[in-house]
Amino acid sequence: MRQKLENLLSQVMEIRHLYLLVHQNHVTKYYVQRACFANNNYYVIGSEKSSHLLIRDISVSRTHAIIIKKDEQYYLADLDSIEGTRIGGTKLEPRQGYLLSDGCLIQIGQVIIEVEIQGKRI
């Protein structure tokens, strides 16, 4: 009985949901659907129409940054943007993955994005 319970508990996993709160004129909350990561494991932020998160701002490059999901963790990388990408005021090196945490602030060009990660055990 105890072995069965331990097996069940070891199968419990946490699903993490990602929300991005874009602070631009007013705050808009975007839910990053898990389906975005199902096929590609990435989520593009930029000013190009094909971006997953389209930000219309002169300081945002067409393909500015990317969020990558790996092992239920989210990582942000700058895609050689002109204005750069920052997490908590620290400028990111291009094409390097930086772990995102709940409550951290991302700066894409001059636009501030607040990260909200919510976990749910199943």
PDB file of N, CA and C in Angstrom:
ATOM      1  N   MET A   1       0.836  -1.192   0.000  1.00  0.00           N
ATOM      2  CA  MET A   1       0.000   0.000   0.000  1.00  0.00           C
ATOM      3  C   MET A   1       0.879   1.254   0.000  1.00  0.00           C
ATOM      4  N   ARG A   2       1.870   1.258   0.893  1.00  0.00           N
ATOM      5  CA  ARG A   2       2.750   2.419   0.978  1.00  0.00           C
ATOM      6  C   ARG A   2       3.526   2.611  -0.326  1.00  0.00           C
ATOM      7  N   GLN A   3       3.947   1.507  -0.934  1.00  0.00           N
ATOM      8  CA  GLN A   3       4.694   1.572  -2.201  1.00  0.00           C
ATOM      9  C   GLN A   3       3.823   2.179  -3.303  1.00  0.00           C
ATOM     10  N   LYS A   4       2.529   1.792  -3.333  1.00  0.00           N
ATOM     11  CA  LYS A   4       1.616   2.338  -4.334  1.00  0.00           C
ATOM     12  C   LYS A   4       1.461   3.848  -4.151  1.00  0.00           C
ATOM     13  N   LEU A   5       1.337   4.288  -2.901  1.00  0.00           N
ATOM     14  CA  LEU A   5       1.193   5.706  -2.614  1.00  0.00           C
ATOM     15  C   LEU A   5       2.438   6.473  -3.038  1.00  0.00           C
ATOM     16  N   GLU A   6       3.611   5.934  -2.760  1.00  0.00           N
ATOM     17  CA  GLU A   6       4.854   6.583  -3.163  1.00  0.00           C
ATOM     18  C   GLU A   6       4.966   6.652  -4.684  1.00  0.00           C
ATOM     19  N   ASN A   7       4.518   5.616  -5.367  1.00  0.00           N
ATOM     20  CA  ASN A   7       4.532   5.627  -6.828  1.00  0.00           C
ATOM     21  C   ASN A   7       3.600   6.701  -7.379  1.00  0.00           C
ATOM     22  N   LEU A   8       2.429   6.817  -6.784  1.00  0.00           N
ATOM     23  CA  LEU A   8       1.481   7.844  -7.213  1.00  0.00           C
ATOM     24  C   LEU A   8       2.045   9.242  -6.988  1.00  0.00           C
ATOM     25  N   LEU A   9       2.633   9.467  -5.823  1.00  0.00           N
ATOM     26  CA  LEU A   9       3.189  10.787  -5.517  1.00  0.00           C
ATOM     27  C   LEU A   9       4.350  11.135  -6.440  1.00  0.00           C
ATOM     28  N   SER A  10       5.120  10.150  -6.822  1.00  0.00           N
ATOM     29  CA  SER A  10       6.249  10.423  -7.713  1.00  0.00           C
ATOM     30  C   SER A  10       5.775  10.785  -9.114  1.00  0.00           C
ATOM     31  N   GLN A  11       4.542  10.407  -9.451  1.00  0.00           N
ATOM     32  CA  GLN A  11       3.997  10.729 -10.766  1.00  0.00           C
ATOM     33  C   GLN A  11       3.329  12.100 -10.801  1.00  0.00           C
ATOM     34  N   VAL A  12       3.167  12.707  -9.638  1.00  0.00           N
ATOM     35  CA  VAL A  12       2.572  14.037  -9.582  1.00  0.00           C
ATOM     36  C   VAL A  12       3.561  15.017 -10.188  1.00  0.00           C
ATOM     37  N   MET A  13       3.069  15.831 -11.098  1.00  0.00           N
ATOM     38  CA  MET A  13       3.952  16.816 -11.700  1.00  0.00           C
ATOM     39  C   MET A  13       3.300  18.186 -11.642  1.00  0.00           C
ATOM     40  N   GLU A  14       4.094  19.174 -11.848  1.00  0.00           N
ATOM     41  CA  GLU A  14       3.599  20.542 -11.796  1.00  0.00           C
ATOM     42  C   GLU A  14       3.541  21.110 -13.201  1.00  0.00           C
ATOM     43  N   ILE A  15       2.399  21.659 -13.549  1.00  0.00           N
ATOM     44  CA  ILE A  15       2.246  22.359 -14.816  1.00  0.00           C
ATOM     45  C   ILE A  15       2.324  23.836 -14.508  1.00  0.00           C
ATOM     46  N   ARG A  16       3.194  24.521 -15.216  1.00  0.00           N
ATOM     47  CA  ARG A  16       3.394  25.946 -14.977  1.00  0.00           C
ATOM     48  C   ARG A  16       2.785  26.737 -16.126  1.00  0.00           C
ATOM     49  N   HIS A  17       1.982  27.731 -15.775  1.00  0.00           N
ATOM     50  CA  HIS A  17       1.343  28.598 -16.747  1.00  0.00           C
ATOM     51  C   HIS A  17       2.080  29.938 -16.766  1.00  0.00           C
ATOM     52  N   LEU A  18       2.267  30.477 -17.955  1.00  0.00           N
ATOM     53  CA  LEU A  18       3.007  31.715 -18.132  1.00  0.00           C
ATOM     54  C   LEU A  18       2.062  32.817 -18.594  1.00  0.00           C
ATOM     55  N   TYR A  19       2.120  33.961 -17.906  1.00  0.00           N
ATOM     56  CA  TYR A  19       1.385  35.156 -18.287  1.00  0.00           C
ATOM     57  C   TYR A  19       2.385  36.291 -18.452  1.00  0.00           C
ATOM     58  N   LEU A  20       2.146  37.153 -19.425  1.00  0.00           N
ATOM     59  CA  LEU A  20       2.982  38.323 -19.647  1.00  0.00           C
ATOM     60  C   LEU A  20       2.107  39.558 -19.553  1.00  0.00           C
ATOM     61  N   LEU A  21       2.442  40.464 -18.633  1.00  0.00           N
ATOM     62  CA  LEU A  21       1.691  41.699 -18.458  1.00  0.00           C
ATOM     63  C   LEU A  21       2.481  42.820 -19.115  1.00  0.00           C
ATOM     64  N   VAL A  22       1.989  43.301 -20.250  1.00  0.00           N
ATOM     65  CA  VAL A  22       2.689  44.315 -21.024  1.00  0.00           C
ATOM     66  C   VAL A  22       2.243  45.694 -20.547  1.00  0.00           C
ATOM     67  N   HIS A  23       3.214  46.501 -20.099  1.00  0.00           N
ATOM     68  CA  HIS A  23       2.955  47.856 -19.616  1.00  0.00           C
ATOM     69  C   HIS A  23       3.292  48.827 -20.742  1.00  0.00           C
ATOM     70  N   GLN A  24       2.278  49.205 -21.517  1.00  0.00           N
ATOM     71  CA  GLN A  24       2.456  50.104 -22.643  1.00  0.00           C
ATOM     72  C   GLN A  24       1.165  50.895 -22.790  1.00  0.00           C
ATOM     73  N   ASN A  25       1.181  52.161 -22.387  1.00  0.00           N
ATOM     74  CA  ASN A  25      -0.002  53.025 -22.326  1.00  0.00           C
ATOM     75  C   ASN A  25      -0.989  52.528 -21.265  1.00  0.00           C
ATOM     76  N   HIS A  26      -1.333  51.260 -21.299  1.00  0.00           N
ATOM     77  CA  HIS A  26      -2.134  50.615 -20.255  1.00  0.00           C
ATOM     78  C   HIS A  26      -1.604  49.185 -20.123  1.00  0.00           C
ATOM     79  N   VAL A  27      -1.995  48.500 -19.081  1.00  0.00           N
ATOM     80  CA  VAL A  27      -1.491  47.142 -18.849  1.00  0.00           C
ATOM     81  C   VAL A  27      -2.407  46.138 -19.545  1.00  0.00           C
ATOM     82  N   THR A  28      -1.796  45.262 -20.343  1.00  0.00           N
ATOM     83  CA  THR A  28      -2.529  44.194 -21.006  1.00  0.00           C
ATOM     84  C   THR A  28      -1.917  42.873 -20.573  1.00  0.00           C
ATOM     85  N   LYS A  29      -2.769  41.952 -20.143  1.00  0.00           N
ATOM     86  CA  LYS A  29      -2.295  40.654 -19.674  1.00  0.00           C
ATOM     87  C   LYS A  29      -2.494  39.614 -20.768  1.00  0.00           C
ATOM     88  N   TYR A  30      -1.407  38.927 -21.134  1.00  0.00           N
ATOM     89  CA  TYR A  30      -1.444  37.883 -22.148  1.00  0.00           C
ATOM     90  C   TYR A  30      -1.177  36.535 -21.500  1.00  0.00           C
ATOM     91  N   TYR A  31      -2.036  35.584 -21.798  1.00  0.00           N
ATOM     92  CA  TYR A  31      -1.809  34.206 -21.367  1.00  0.00           C
ATOM     93  C   TYR A  31      -1.047  33.506 -22.481  1.00  0.00           C
ATOM     94  N   VAL A  32       0.113  33.000 -22.173  1.00  0.00           N
ATOM     95  CA  VAL A  32       0.909  32.281 -23.160  1.00  0.00           C
ATOM     96  C   VAL A  32       0.413  30.844 -23.160  1.00  0.00           C
ATOM     97  N   GLN A  33      -0.351  30.512 -24.158  1.00  0.00           N
ATOM     98  CA  GLN A  33      -0.974  29.195 -24.203  1.00  0.00           C
ATOM     99  C   GLN A  33       0.071  28.106 -24.362  1.00  0.00           C
ATOM    100  N   ARG A  34      -0.179  27.009 -23.681  1.00  0.00           N
ATOM    101  CA  ARG A  34       0.746  25.879 -23.729  1.00  0.00           C
ATOM    102  C   ARG A  34       0.886  25.370 -25.164  1.00  0.00           C
ATOM    103  N   ALA A  35      -0.142  25.577 -25.977  1.00  0.00           N
ATOM    104  CA  ALA A  35      -0.089  25.126 -27.371  1.00  0.00           C
ATOM    105  C   ALA A  35       1.034  25.820 -28.141  1.00  0.00           C
ATOM    106  N   CYS A  36       1.380  27.039 -27.743  1.00  0.00           N
ATOM    107  CA  CYS A  36       2.480  27.754 -28.404  1.00  0.00           C
ATOM    108  C   CYS A  36       3.785  26.988 -28.246  1.00  0.00           C
ATOM    109  N   PHE A  37       3.931  26.305 -27.136  1.00  0.00           N
ATOM    110  CA  PHE A  37       5.162  25.569 -26.862  1.00  0.00           C
ATOM    111  C   PHE A  37       5.075  24.105 -27.305  1.00  0.00           C
ATOM    112  N   ALA A  38       3.878  23.632 -27.591  1.00  0.00           N
ATOM    113  CA  ALA A  38       3.696  22.221 -27.928  1.00  0.00           C
ATOM    114  C   ALA A  38       4.429  21.840 -29.209  1.00  0.00           C
ATOM    115  N   ASN A  39       4.347  22.676 -30.218  1.00  0.00           N
ATOM    116  CA  ASN A  39       4.956  22.346 -31.499  1.00  0.00           C
ATOM    117  C   ASN A  39       6.388  22.843 -31.622  1.00  0.00           C
ATOM    118  N   ASN A  40       6.672  24.017 -31.059  1.00  0.00           N
ATOM    119  CA  ASN A  40       7.955  24.648 -31.313  1.00  0.00           C
ATOM    120  C   ASN A  40       8.837  24.816 -30.084  1.00  0.00           C
ATOM    121  N   ASN A  41       8.252  24.849 -28.912  1.00  0.00           N
ATOM    122  CA  ASN A  41       8.959  25.134 -27.661  1.00  0.00           C
ATOM    123  C   ASN A  41       9.543  26.537 -27.622  1.00  0.00           C
ATOM    124  N   TYR A  42       8.988  27.455 -28.400  1.00  0.00           N
ATOM    125  CA  TYR A  42       9.430  28.848 -28.322  1.00  0.00           C
ATOM    126  C   TYR A  42       8.272  29.802 -28.561  1.00  0.00           C
ATOM    127  N   TYR A  43       8.470  31.047 -28.155  1.00  0.00           N
ATOM    128  CA  TYR A  43       7.446  32.087 -28.213  1.00  0.00           C
ATOM    129  C   TYR A  43       8.160  33.389 -28.562  1.00  0.00           C
ATOM    130  N   VAL A  44       7.900  33.925 -29.749  1.00  0.00           N
ATOM    131  CA  VAL A  44       8.622  35.096 -30.242  1.00  0.00           C
ATOM    132  C   VAL A  44       7.915  36.383 -29.823  1.00  0.00           C
ATOM    133  N   ILE A  45       8.718  37.346 -29.347  1.00  0.00           N
ATOM    134  CA  ILE A  45       8.234  38.683 -28.999  1.00  0.00           C
ATOM    135  C   ILE A  45       8.869  39.656 -29.984  1.00  0.00           C
ATOM    136  N   GLY A  46       8.049  40.482 -30.624  1.00  0.00           N
ATOM    137  CA  GLY A  46       8.598  41.445 -31.565  1.00  0.00           C
ATOM    138  C   GLY A  46       7.525  42.316 -32.187  1.00  0.00           C
ATOM    139  N   SER A  47       7.941  43.147 -33.147  1.00  0.00           N
ATOM    140  CA  SER A  47       7.009  44.060 -33.808  1.00  0.00           C
ATOM    141  C   SER A  47       6.520  43.523 -35.154  1.00  0.00           C
ATOM    142  N   GLU A  48       7.002  42.358 -35.541  1.00  0.00           N
ATOM    143  CA  GLU A  48       6.573  41.738 -36.789  1.00  0.00           C
ATOM    144  C   GLU A  48       5.216  41.060 -36.593  1.00  0.00           C
ATOM    145  N   LYS A  49       4.365  41.125 -37.596  1.00  0.00           N
ATOM    146  CA  LYS A  49       3.016  40.567 -37.499  1.00  0.00           C
ATOM    147  C   LYS A  49       2.993  39.089 -37.128  1.00  0.00           C
ATOM    148  N   SER A  50       4.012  38.352 -37.536  1.00  0.00           N
ATOM    149  CA  SER A  50       4.030  36.915 -37.262  1.00  0.00           C
ATOM    150  C   SER A  50       4.496  36.567 -35.844  1.00  0.00           C
ATOM    151  N   SER A  51       4.869  37.572 -35.040  1.00  0.00           N
ATOM    152  CA  SER A  51       5.301  37.323 -33.653  1.00  0.00           C
ATOM    153  C   SER A  51       4.152  36.764 -32.833  1.00  0.00           C
ATOM    154  N   HIS A  52       4.466  35.894 -31.886  1.00  0.00           N
ATOM    155  CA  HIS A  52       3.437  35.397 -30.977  1.00  0.00           C
ATOM    156  C   HIS A  52       2.897  36.546 -30.128  1.00  0.00           C
ATOM    157  N   LEU A  53       3.800  37.380 -29.621  1.00  0.00           N
ATOM    158  CA  LEU A  53       3.407  38.577 -28.875  1.00  0.00           C
ATOM    159  C   LEU A  53       3.854  39.779 -29.696  1.00  0.00           C
ATOM    160  N   LEU A  54       2.891  40.425 -30.340  1.00  0.00           N
ATOM    161  CA  LEU A  54       3.144  41.570 -31.203  1.00  0.00           C
ATOM    162  C   LEU A  54       3.120  42.842 -30.370  1.00  0.00           C
ATOM    163  N   ILE A  55       4.236  43.565 -30.364  1.00  0.00           N
ATOM    164  CA  ILE A  55       4.322  44.840 -29.644  1.00  0.00           C
ATOM    165  C   ILE A  55       4.642  45.927 -30.661  1.00  0.00           C
ATOM    166  N   ARG A  56       3.706  46.825 -30.832  1.00  0.00           N
ATOM    167  CA  ARG A  56       3.896  47.921 -31.777  1.00  0.00           C
ATOM    168  C   ARG A  56       4.542  49.096 -31.049  1.00  0.00           C
ATOM    169  N   ASP A  57       5.860  49.141 -31.119  1.00  0.00           N
ATOM    170  CA  ASP A  57       6.625  50.218 -30.499  1.00  0.00           C
ATOM    171  C   ASP A  57       7.905  50.379 -31.310  1.00  0.00           C
ATOM    172  N   ILE A  58       8.299  51.620 -31.542  1.00  0.00           N
ATOM    173  CA  ILE A  58       9.480  51.896 -32.369  1.00  0.00           C
ATOM    174  C   ILE A  58      10.762  51.308 -31.776  1.00  0.00           C
ATOM    175  N   SER A  59      10.790  51.081 -30.464  1.00  0.00           N
ATOM    176  CA  SER A  59      11.989  50.548 -29.809  1.00  0.00           C
ATOM    177  C   SER A  59      12.079  49.024 -29.857  1.00  0.00           C
ATOM    178  N   VAL A  60      11.047  48.375 -30.390  1.00  0.00           N
ATOM    179  CA  VAL A  60      10.989  46.916 -30.436  1.00  0.00           C
ATOM    180  C   VAL A  60      11.355  46.433 -31.839  1.00  0.00           C
ATOM    181  N   SER A  61      12.360  45.565 -31.932  1.00  0.00           N
ATOM    182  CA  SER A  61      12.777  44.993 -33.215  1.00  0.00           C
ATOM    183  C   SER A  61      11.725  44.018 -33.735  1.00  0.00           C
ATOM    184  N   ARG A  62      11.804  43.722 -35.023  1.00  0.00           N
ATOM    185  CA  ARG A  62      10.814  42.812 -35.631  1.00  0.00           C
ATOM    186  C   ARG A  62      10.794  41.458 -34.927  1.00  0.00           C
ATOM    187  N   THR A  63      11.934  40.849 -34.720  1.00  0.00           N
ATOM    188  CA  THR A  63      12.043  39.632 -33.905  1.00  0.00           C
ATOM    189  C   THR A  63      13.016  39.971 -32.782  1.00  0.00           C
ATOM    190  N   HIS A  64      12.488  40.507 -31.713  1.00  0.00           N
ATOM    191  CA  HIS A  64      13.278  41.106 -30.644  1.00  0.00           C
ATOM    192  C   HIS A  64      13.839  40.073 -29.663  1.00  0.00           C
ATOM    193  N   ALA A  65      12.951  39.221 -29.169  1.00  0.00           N
ATOM    194  CA  ALA A  65      13.348  38.255 -28.138  1.00  0.00           C
ATOM    195  C   ALA A  65      12.516  36.987 -28.286  1.00  0.00           C
ATOM    196  N   ILE A  66      12.951  35.968 -27.575  1.00  0.00           N
ATOM    197  CA  ILE A  66      12.263  34.685 -27.642  1.00  0.00           C
ATOM    198  C   ILE A  66      12.188  34.088 -26.239  1.00  0.00           C
ATOM    199  N   ILE A  67      11.055  33.463 -25.949  1.00  0.00           N
ATOM    200  CA  ILE A  67      10.912  32.699 -24.704  1.00  0.00           C
ATOM    201  C   ILE A  67      10.927  31.225 -25.097  1.00  0.00           C
ATOM    202  N   ILE A  68      11.772  30.484 -24.428  1.00  0.00           N
ATOM    203  CA  ILE A  68      11.927  29.057 -24.707  1.00  0.00           C
ATOM    204  C   ILE A  68      11.485  28.280 -23.470  1.00  0.00           C
ATOM    205  N   LYS A  69      10.740  27.210 -23.683  1.00  0.00           N
ATOM    206  CA  LYS A  69      10.298  26.361 -22.577  1.00  0.00           C
ATOM    207  C   LYS A  69      11.106  25.073 -22.584  1.00  0.00           C
ATOM    208  N   LYS A  70      11.673  24.748 -21.424  1.00  0.00           N
ATOM    209  CA  LYS A  70      12.428  23.504 -21.291  1.00  0.00           C
ATOM    210  C   LYS A  70      12.214  22.963 -19.885  1.00  0.00           C
ATOM    211  N   ASP A  71      11.745  21.732 -19.785  1.00  0.00           N
ATOM    212  CA  ASP A  71      11.517  21.071 -18.494  1.00  0.00           C
ATOM    213  C   ASP A  71      10.662  21.923 -17.561  1.00  0.00           C
ATOM    214  N   GLU A  72       9.551  22.439 -18.085  1.00  0.00           N
ATOM    215  CA  GLU A  72       8.604  23.262 -17.316  1.00  0.00           C
ATOM    216  C   GLU A  72       9.227  24.548 -16.771  1.00  0.00           C
ATOM    217  N   GLN A  73      10.326  24.979 -17.340  1.00  0.00           N
ATOM    218  CA  GLN A  73      10.969  26.257 -16.997  1.00  0.00           C
ATOM    219  C   GLN A  73      10.933  27.137 -18.240  1.00  0.00           C
ATOM    220  N   TYR A  74      10.919  28.446 -18.037  1.00  0.00           N
ATOM    221  CA  TYR A  74      10.882  29.387 -19.144  1.00  0.00           C
ATOM    222  C   TYR A  74      12.169  30.208 -19.158  1.00  0.00           C
ATOM    223  N   TYR A  75      12.748  30.347 -20.348  1.00  0.00           N
ATOM    224  CA  TYR A  75      13.999  31.080 -20.534  1.00  0.00           C
ATOM    225  C   TYR A  75      13.789  32.174 -21.574  1.00  0.00           C
ATOM    226  N   LEU A  76      14.426  33.311 -21.370  1.00  0.00           N
ATOM    227  CA  LEU A  76      14.343  34.436 -22.293  1.00  0.00           C
ATOM    228  C   LEU A  76      15.694  34.639 -22.960  1.00  0.00           C
ATOM    229  N   ALA A  77      15.672  34.904 -24.268  1.00  0.00           N
ATOM    230  CA  ALA A  77      16.898  35.206 -25.000  1.00  0.00           C
ATOM    231  C   ALA A  77      16.644  36.390 -25.922  1.00  0.00           C
ATOM    232  N   ASP A  78      17.600  37.290 -25.987  1.00  0.00           N
ATOM    233  CA  ASP A  78      17.556  38.410 -26.923  1.00  0.00           C
ATOM    234  C   ASP A  78      17.991  37.890 -28.293  1.00  0.00           C
ATOM    235  N   LEU A  79      17.340  38.369 -29.346  1.00  0.00           N
ATOM    236  CA  LEU A  79      17.645  37.907 -30.698  1.00  0.00           C
ATOM    237  C   LEU A  79      18.418  38.979 -31.472  1.00  0.00           C
ATOM    238  N   ASP A  80      19.501  39.456 -30.879  1.00  0.00           N
ATOM    239  CA  ASP A  80      20.342  40.486 -31.507  1.00  0.00           C
ATOM    240  C   ASP A  80      19.538  41.748 -31.833  1.00  0.00           C
ATOM    241  N   SER A  81      18.663  42.142 -30.926  1.00  0.00           N
ATOM    242  CA  SER A  81      17.835  43.325 -31.148  1.00  0.00           C
ATOM    243  C   SER A  81      18.677  44.601 -31.066  1.00  0.00           C
ATOM    244  N   ILE A  82      18.171  45.659 -31.673  1.00  0.00           N
ATOM    245  CA  ILE A  82      18.893  46.937 -31.682  1.00  0.00           C
ATOM    246  C   ILE A  82      18.892  47.581 -30.300  1.00  0.00           C
ATOM    247  N   GLU A  83      17.729  47.645 -29.654  1.00  0.00           N
ATOM    248  CA  GLU A  83      17.588  48.311 -28.350  1.00  0.00           C
ATOM    249  C   GLU A  83      17.970  47.419 -27.172  1.00  0.00           C
ATOM    250  N   GLY A  84      18.060  46.126 -27.408  1.00  0.00           N
ATOM    251  CA  GLY A  84      18.434  45.212 -26.339  1.00  0.00           C
ATOM    252  C   GLY A  84      17.254  44.738 -25.506  1.00  0.00           C
ATOM    253  N   THR A  85      17.541  43.748 -24.659  1.00  0.00           N
ATOM    254  CA  THR A  85      16.559  43.146 -23.763  1.00  0.00           C
ATOM    255  C   THR A  85      17.170  43.098 -22.371  1.00  0.00           C
ATOM    256  N   ARG A  86      16.355  43.374 -21.367  1.00  0.00           N
ATOM    257  CA  ARG A  86      16.833  43.376 -19.986  1.00  0.00           C
ATOM    258  C   ARG A  86      15.895  42.558 -19.103  1.00  0.00           C
ATOM    259  N   ILE A  87      16.475  41.969 -18.077  1.00  0.00           N
ATOM    260  CA  ILE A  87      15.689  41.346 -17.004  1.00  0.00           C
ATOM    261  C   ILE A  87      16.122  42.037 -15.725  1.00  0.00           C
ATOM    262  N   GLY A  88      15.169  42.681 -15.060  1.00  0.00           N
ATOM    263  CA  GLY A  88      15.481  43.374 -13.811  1.00  0.00           C
ATOM    264  C   GLY A  88      16.592  44.405 -13.962  1.00  0.00           C
ATOM    265  N   GLY A  89      16.680  45.047 -15.104  1.00  0.00           N
ATOM    266  CA  GLY A  89      17.683  46.087 -15.326  1.00  0.00           C
ATOM    267  C   GLY A  89      19.009  45.578 -15.883  1.00  0.00           C
ATOM    268  N   THR A  90      19.217  44.263 -15.892  1.00  0.00           N
ATOM    269  CA  THR A  90      20.459  43.692 -16.398  1.00  0.00           C
ATOM    270  C   THR A  90      20.310  43.373 -17.883  1.00  0.00           C
ATOM    271  N   LYS A  91      21.196  43.952 -18.692  1.00  0.00           N
ATOM    272  CA  LYS A  91      21.136  43.713 -20.139  1.00  0.00           C
ATOM    273  C   LYS A  91      21.575  42.291 -20.461  1.00  0.00           C
ATOM    274  N   LEU A  92      20.798  41.640 -21.313  1.00  0.00           N
ATOM    275  CA  LEU A  92      21.079  40.263 -21.698  1.00  0.00           C
ATOM    276  C   LEU A  92      22.085  40.208 -22.844  1.00  0.00           C
ATOM    277  N   GLU A  93      22.942  39.220 -22.789  1.00  0.00           N
ATOM    278  CA  GLU A  93      23.831  38.937 -23.907  1.00  0.00           C
ATOM    279  C   GLU A  93      22.984  38.288 -25.004  1.00  0.00           C
ATOM    280  N   PRO A  94      23.181  38.684 -26.256  1.00  0.00           N
ATOM    281  CA  PRO A  94      22.382  38.100 -27.336  1.00  0.00           C
ATOM    282  C   PRO A  94      22.514  36.580 -27.419  1.00  0.00           C
ATOM    283  N   ARG A  95      21.381  35.949 -27.685  1.00  0.00           N
ATOM    284  CA  ARG A  95      21.295  34.503 -27.933  1.00  0.00           C
ATOM    285  C   ARG A  95      21.735  33.639 -26.747  1.00  0.00           C
ATOM    286  N   GLN A  96      21.653  34.189 -25.538  1.00  0.00           N
ATOM    287  CA  GLN A  96      21.925  33.441 -24.300  1.00  0.00           C
ATOM    288  C   GLN A  96      20.596  33.285 -23.562  1.00  0.00           C
ATOM    289  N   GLY A  97      20.317  32.100 -23.048  1.00  0.00           N
ATOM    290  CA  GLY A  97      19.075  31.858 -22.318  1.00  0.00           C
ATOM    291  C   GLY A  97      19.184  32.269 -20.861  1.00  0.00           C
ATOM    292  N   TYR A  98      18.203  33.038 -20.383  1.00  0.00           N
ATOM    293  CA  TYR A  98      18.147  33.486 -18.987  1.00  0.00           C
ATOM    294  C   TYR A  98      16.835  33.008 -18.380  1.00  0.00           C
ATOM    295  N   LEU A  99      16.924  32.342 -17.237  1.00  0.00           N
ATOM    296  CA  LEU A  99      15.753  31.787 -16.568  1.00  0.00           C
ATOM    297  C   LEU A  99      14.814  32.902 -16.111  1.00  0.00           C
ATOM    298  N   LEU A 100      13.536  32.744 -16.431  1.00  0.00           N
ATOM    299  CA  LEU A 100      12.514  33.686 -15.976  1.00  0.00           C
ATOM    300  C   LEU A 100      11.917  33.190 -14.666  1.00  0.00           C
ATOM    301  N   SER A 101      11.628  34.118 -13.773  1.00  0.00           N
ATOM    302  CA  SER A 101      10.992  33.759 -12.509  1.00  0.00           C
ATOM    303  C   SER A 101       9.742  34.603 -12.323  1.00  0.00           C
ATOM    304  N   ASP A 102       8.856  34.123 -11.490  1.00  0.00           N
ATOM    305  CA  ASP A 102       7.607  34.823 -11.226  1.00  0.00           C
ATOM    306  C   ASP A 102       7.894  36.215 -10.670  1.00  0.00           C
ATOM    307  N   GLY A 103       7.281  37.222 -11.272  1.00  0.00           N
ATOM    308  CA  GLY A 103       7.415  38.591 -10.788  1.00  0.00           C
ATOM    309  C   GLY A 103       8.552  39.375 -11.406  1.00  0.00           C
ATOM    310  N   CYS A 104       9.402  38.735 -12.196  1.00  0.00           N
ATOM    311  CA  CYS A 104      10.520  39.485 -12.771  1.00  0.00           C
ATOM    312  C   CYS A 104      10.017  40.430 -13.857  1.00  0.00           C
ATOM    313  N   LEU A 105      10.775  41.494 -14.083  1.00  0.00           N
ATOM    314  CA  LEU A 105      10.433  42.488 -15.091  1.00  0.00           C
ATOM    315  C   LEU A 105      11.375  42.359 -16.272  1.00  0.00           C
ATOM    316  N   ILE A 106      10.788  42.292 -17.442  1.00  0.00           N
ATOM    317  CA  ILE A 106      11.538  42.233 -18.697  1.00  0.00           C
ATOM    318  C   ILE A 106      11.388  43.594 -19.367  1.00  0.00           C
ATOM    319  N   GLN A 107      12.467  44.068 -19.953  1.00  0.00           N
ATOM    320  CA  GLN A 107      12.384  45.279 -20.761  1.00  0.00           C
ATOM    321  C   GLN A 107      12.737  44.904 -22.189  1.00  0.00           C
ATOM    322  N   ILE A 108      11.762  45.067 -23.078  1.00  0.00           N
ATOM    323  CA  ILE A 108      11.925  44.810 -24.509  1.00  0.00           C
ATOM    324  C   ILE A 108      11.954  46.171 -25.175  1.00  0.00           C
ATOM    325  N   GLY A 109      13.131  46.631 -25.594  1.00  0.00           N
ATOM    326  CA  GLY A 109      13.247  48.016 -26.061  1.00  0.00           C
ATOM    327  C   GLY A 109      12.910  48.935 -24.899  1.00  0.00           C
ATOM    328  N   GLN A 110      11.866  49.740 -25.065  1.00  0.00           N
ATOM    329  CA  GLN A 110      11.416  50.632 -23.988  1.00  0.00           C
ATOM    330  C   GLN A 110      10.137  50.132 -23.305  1.00  0.00           C
ATOM    331  N   VAL A 111       9.681  48.946 -23.673  1.00  0.00           N
ATOM    332  CA  VAL A 111       8.432  48.393 -23.152  1.00  0.00           C
ATOM    333  C   VAL A 111       8.740  47.439 -21.994  1.00  0.00           C
ATOM    334  N   ILE A 112       8.008  47.613 -20.888  1.00  0.00           N
ATOM    335  CA  ILE A 112       8.177  46.770 -19.698  1.00  0.00           C
ATOM    336  C   ILE A 112       7.134  45.655 -19.716  1.00  0.00           C
ATOM    337  N   ILE A 113       7.604  44.439 -19.459  1.00  0.00           N
ATOM    338  CA  ILE A 113       6.722  43.272 -19.384  1.00  0.00           C
ATOM    339  C   ILE A 113       6.961  42.586 -18.040  1.00  0.00           C
ATOM    340  N   GLU A 114       5.887  42.387 -17.315  1.00  0.00           N
ATOM    341  CA  GLU A 114       5.956  41.689 -16.030  1.00  0.00           C
ATOM    342  C   GLU A 114       5.630  40.218 -16.253  1.00  0.00           C
ATOM    343  N   VAL A 115       6.431  39.344 -15.678  1.00  0.00           N
ATOM    344  CA  VAL A 115       6.257  37.901 -15.849  1.00  0.00           C
ATOM    345  C   VAL A 115       5.469  37.341 -14.667  1.00  0.00           C
ATOM    346  N   GLU A 116       4.481  36.539 -14.980  1.00  0.00           N
ATOM    347  CA  GLU A 116       3.685  35.875 -13.955  1.00  0.00           C
ATOM    348  C   GLU A 116       3.676  34.383 -14.283  1.00  0.00           C
ATOM    349  N   ILE A 117       4.219  33.585 -13.394  1.00  0.00           N
ATOM    350  CA  ILE A 117       4.247  32.136 -13.589  1.00  0.00           C
ATOM    351  C   ILE A 117       3.445  31.503 -12.476  1.00  0.00           C
ATOM    352  N   GLN A 118       2.434  30.722 -12.854  1.00  0.00           N
ATOM    353  CA  GLN A 118       1.588  30.071 -11.864  1.00  0.00           C
ATOM    354  C   GLN A 118       1.721  28.571 -12.011  1.00  0.00           C
ATOM    355  N   GLY A 119       1.935  27.903 -10.894  1.00  0.00           N
ATOM    356  CA  GLY A 119       2.092  26.456 -10.926  1.00  0.00           C
ATOM    357  C   GLY A 119       0.826  25.757 -10.480  1.00  0.00           C
ATOM    358  N   LYS A 120       0.625  24.572 -11.026  1.00  0.00           N
ATOM    359  CA  LYS A 120      -0.543  23.766 -10.662  1.00  0.00           C
ATOM    360  C   LYS A 120      -0.090  22.312 -10.625  1.00  0.00           C
ATOM    361  N   ARG A 121      -0.219  21.685  -9.479  1.00  0.00           N
ATOM    362  CA  ARG A 121       0.187  20.282  -9.356  1.00  0.00           C
ATOM    363  C   ARG A 121      -0.946  19.386  -9.846  1.00  0.00           C
ATOM    364  N   ILE A 122      -0.554  18.392 -10.610  1.00  0.00           N
ATOM    365  CA  ILE A 122      -1.560  17.438 -11.095  1.00  0.00           C
ATOM    366  C   ILE A 122      -1.130  16.038 -10.715  1.00  0.00           C
TER     367      ILE A 122
END
